[in-house]
Amino acid sequence: MQVHELVGVILVAGLVVFLIGAGGWKLVDDQPMREALPVIHTDRRRRAWIHLWMIPAMFLTSAGMFGLAAVVGEGVAATLSLMAGVVYALGAVCWIVSLAFRLTVVPLAAEQTVERGEMPEGFAALDSWAGWVGIVGGILFAAGFLATRREGPFNPPFWAHPYTAMIGILLLS
């Protein structure tokens, strides 16, 4: 297997692994926490399945982005590819932190909500804080998304995977 084929496989695998998890997503997950927590408690395994597949997807795609820098050779293309890999990896770290929150704190809050009939004290503020961090991060990534002319590592999580998988397919062809 040649280097460009290896990178292509890794980038495509990032999308495939992401989609395995994302296939279990339901609209109930997007409800306000007060309504979503009881459902999350009832359907813990599905939610864990989703999030646990997204973590390796981020590692695979980040590795593929760095591998792409090796494939494109030298010069501006290699530099831009390496920079994109760094930015993608930084975004991946933030996304994985968010996933860790969703895999640990949210199920605990869901359990307590069902047991007590109300959300745990402080959870709304914690969830709100996490939300604001996401909003600020989203604004920064939106600016990067526009500055890079809608291509590159600033795409929303789903769009980042198909974009990099397309590069992987191109490398494989």
Protein backbone atom coordinates (compact mmCIF):
# COMPACT_ATOMS: atom_id res chain seq x y z
CA MET A 1 0.00 0.00 0.00
CA GLN A 2 1.33 3.40 -0.91
CA VAL A 3 1.29 6.40 1.42
CA HIS A 4 -1.47 8.26 -0.41
CA GLU A 5 -3.66 5.13 -0.28
CA LEU A 6 -3.07 4.72 3.45
CA VAL A 7 -4.03 8.35 4.08
CA GLY A 8 -7.10 7.92 1.89
CA VAL A 9 -8.22 4.84 3.83
CA ILE A 10 -7.75 6.65 7.16
CA LEU A 11 -9.76 9.68 6.01
CA VAL A 12 -12.60 7.55 4.67
CA ALA A 13 -12.54 5.43 7.85
CA GLY A 14 -13.03 8.63 9.89
CA LEU A 15 -16.34 9.25 8.11
CA VAL A 16 -17.45 5.61 8.32
CA VAL A 17 -16.75 5.39 12.06
CA PHE A 18 -18.51 8.72 12.66
CA LEU A 19 -21.59 7.55 10.71
CA ILE A 20 -21.77 4.27 12.67
CA GLY A 21 -22.32 6.31 15.80
CA ALA A 22 -24.31 9.15 14.29
CA GLY A 23 -26.79 6.70 12.79
CA GLY A 24 -28.36 6.32 16.24
CA TRP A 25 -29.04 10.04 16.71
CA LYS A 26 -32.66 10.98 17.43
CA LEU A 27 -34.36 14.37 17.48
CA VAL A 28 -35.13 13.90 21.19
CA ASP A 29 -31.41 14.48 21.84
CA ASP A 30 -31.84 18.07 20.65
CA GLN A 31 -34.61 18.94 23.10
CA PRO A 32 -33.98 21.21 26.09
CA MET A 33 -32.26 19.27 28.87
CA ARG A 34 -35.32 19.28 31.14
CA GLU A 35 -37.22 17.20 28.54
CA ALA A 36 -34.23 15.25 27.21
CA LEU A 37 -32.79 13.99 30.53
CA PRO A 38 -35.53 11.42 31.26
CA VAL A 39 -35.23 10.07 27.71
CA ILE A 40 -31.43 9.98 28.00
CA HIS A 41 -31.80 7.99 31.23
CA THR A 42 -34.10 5.48 29.55
CA ASP A 43 -31.95 5.08 26.46
CA ARG A 44 -28.42 5.30 27.96
CA ARG A 45 -26.87 2.62 25.77
CA ARG A 46 -27.92 4.20 22.51
CA ARG A 47 -26.54 7.55 23.60
CA ALA A 48 -23.26 5.99 24.75
CA TRP A 49 -23.03 4.08 21.44
CA ILE A 50 -23.33 7.33 19.49
CA HIS A 51 -20.73 9.23 21.45
CA LEU A 52 -18.25 6.38 21.83
CA TRP A 53 -18.06 5.98 18.03
CA MET A 54 -17.52 9.70 17.49
CA ILE A 55 -14.34 9.73 19.59
CA PRO A 56 -12.30 7.33 17.40
CA ALA A 57 -13.69 9.09 14.33
CA MET A 58 -12.04 12.29 15.52
CA PHE A 59 -8.72 10.51 16.07
CA LEU A 60 -8.84 8.84 12.66
CA THR A 61 -9.69 12.01 10.78
CA SER A 62 -7.07 14.03 12.69
CA ALA A 63 -4.43 11.43 11.82
CA GLY A 64 -5.58 11.49 8.21
CA MET A 65 -5.30 15.27 8.08
CA PHE A 66 -1.71 15.11 9.30
CA GLY A 67 -0.99 12.30 6.86
CA LEU A 68 -2.31 14.47 4.07
CA ALA A 69 0.52 16.93 4.73
CA ALA A 70 2.99 14.14 3.96
CA VAL A 71 1.14 13.17 0.78
CA VAL A 72 0.91 16.61 -0.84
CA GLY A 73 4.68 17.01 -0.91
CA GLU A 74 6.47 20.25 -0.22
CA GLY A 75 5.70 23.94 -0.48
CA VAL A 76 2.54 25.89 0.19
CA ALA A 77 0.22 22.90 -0.18
CA ALA A 78 2.13 20.93 2.46
CA THR A 79 2.22 23.91 4.82
CA LEU A 80 -1.50 24.60 4.44
CA SER A 81 -2.29 20.91 4.88
CA LEU A 82 -0.23 20.74 8.06
CA MET A 83 -1.90 23.89 9.39
CA ALA A 84 -5.32 22.40 8.59
CA GLY A 85 -4.32 19.25 10.47
CA VAL A 86 -3.35 21.27 13.53
CA VAL A 87 -6.59 23.24 13.52
CA TYR A 88 -8.63 20.10 12.94
CA ALA A 89 -6.85 18.33 15.82
CA LEU A 90 -7.49 21.30 18.15
CA GLY A 91 -11.16 21.22 17.19
CA ALA A 92 -11.15 17.46 17.73
CA VAL A 93 -9.84 17.92 21.27
CA CYS A 94 -12.67 20.36 22.03
CA TRP A 95 -15.23 17.99 20.53
CA ILE A 96 -13.86 15.05 22.54
CA VAL A 97 -14.10 17.11 25.75
CA SER A 98 -17.74 17.81 24.86
CA LEU A 99 -18.32 14.11 24.21
CA ALA A 100 -16.73 13.22 27.56
CA PHE A 101 -19.15 15.64 29.26
CA ARG A 102 -22.05 14.00 27.43
CA LEU A 103 -20.85 10.52 28.41
CA THR A 104 -20.29 11.25 32.10
CA VAL A 105 -22.07 14.28 33.53
CA VAL A 106 -25.25 14.17 31.43
CA PRO A 107 -26.15 10.51 32.22
CA LEU A 108 -25.58 11.18 35.92
CA ALA A 109 -27.88 14.22 35.74
CA ALA A 110 -30.42 12.14 33.80
CA GLU A 111 -30.41 9.47 36.52
CA GLN A 112 -30.86 12.04 39.28
CA THR A 113 -33.62 13.79 37.33
CA VAL A 114 -35.58 10.55 37.04
CA GLU A 115 -35.02 9.61 40.70
CA ARG A 116 -35.86 13.06 42.15
CA GLY A 117 -38.26 14.39 39.55
CA GLU A 118 -36.15 17.49 38.97
CA MET A 119 -32.80 18.39 37.47
CA PRO A 120 -29.86 18.32 39.90
CA GLU A 121 -28.96 21.67 41.40
CA GLY A 122 -26.22 23.30 39.40
CA PHE A 123 -26.63 21.08 36.34
CA ALA A 124 -28.51 23.71 34.34
CA ALA A 125 -25.73 26.22 35.02
CA LEU A 126 -23.04 23.67 34.16
CA ASP A 127 -24.85 22.67 30.99
CA SER A 128 -25.38 26.34 30.16
CA TRP A 129 -21.66 27.05 30.71
CA ALA A 130 -20.77 24.14 28.43
CA GLY A 131 -23.28 25.50 25.94
CA TRP A 132 -21.74 28.97 25.99
CA VAL A 133 -18.28 27.52 25.49
CA GLY A 134 -19.74 25.71 22.48
CA ILE A 135 -21.38 28.88 21.20
CA VAL A 136 -18.20 30.95 21.49
CA GLY A 137 -16.22 28.12 19.91
CA GLY A 138 -18.87 27.88 17.21
CA ILE A 139 -18.58 31.59 16.47
CA LEU A 140 -14.81 31.28 16.21
CA PHE A 141 -15.14 28.27 13.92
CA ALA A 142 -17.82 30.08 11.87
CA ALA A 143 -15.39 32.95 11.34
CA GLY A 144 -12.73 30.45 10.29
CA PHE A 145 -15.30 28.71 8.08
CA LEU A 146 -16.01 31.99 6.26
CA ALA A 147 -12.36 33.06 6.17
CA THR A 148 -11.35 29.79 4.52
CA ARG A 149 -14.15 30.12 1.98
CA ARG A 150 -16.23 27.31 3.40
CA GLU A 151 -13.53 24.65 3.04
CA GLY A 152 -11.15 23.19 5.53
CA PRO A 153 -11.06 22.30 9.18
CA PHE A 154 -13.67 24.82 10.33
CA ASN A 155 -16.62 22.83 9.02
CA PRO A 156 -19.17 21.51 11.49
CA PRO A 157 -18.29 18.01 12.78
CA PHE A 158 -20.40 16.12 10.25
CA TRP A 159 -19.18 18.15 7.28
CA ALA A 160 -15.57 17.80 8.36
CA HIS A 161 -15.76 14.03 7.94
CA PRO A 162 -17.28 13.89 4.43
CA TYR A 163 -14.86 16.57 3.26
CA THR A 164 -11.85 14.65 4.50
CA ALA A 165 -13.31 11.35 3.30
CA MET A 166 -13.63 12.86 -0.20
CA ILE A 167 -9.95 13.71 -0.06
CA GLY A 168 -9.32 10.10 1.01
CA ILE A 169 -11.34 8.80 -1.94
CA LEU A 170 -9.43 11.08 -4.26
CA LEU A 171 -6.16 9.69 -2.89
CA LEU A 172 -7.43 6.14 -3.42
CA SER A 173 -8.46 6.73 -7.03
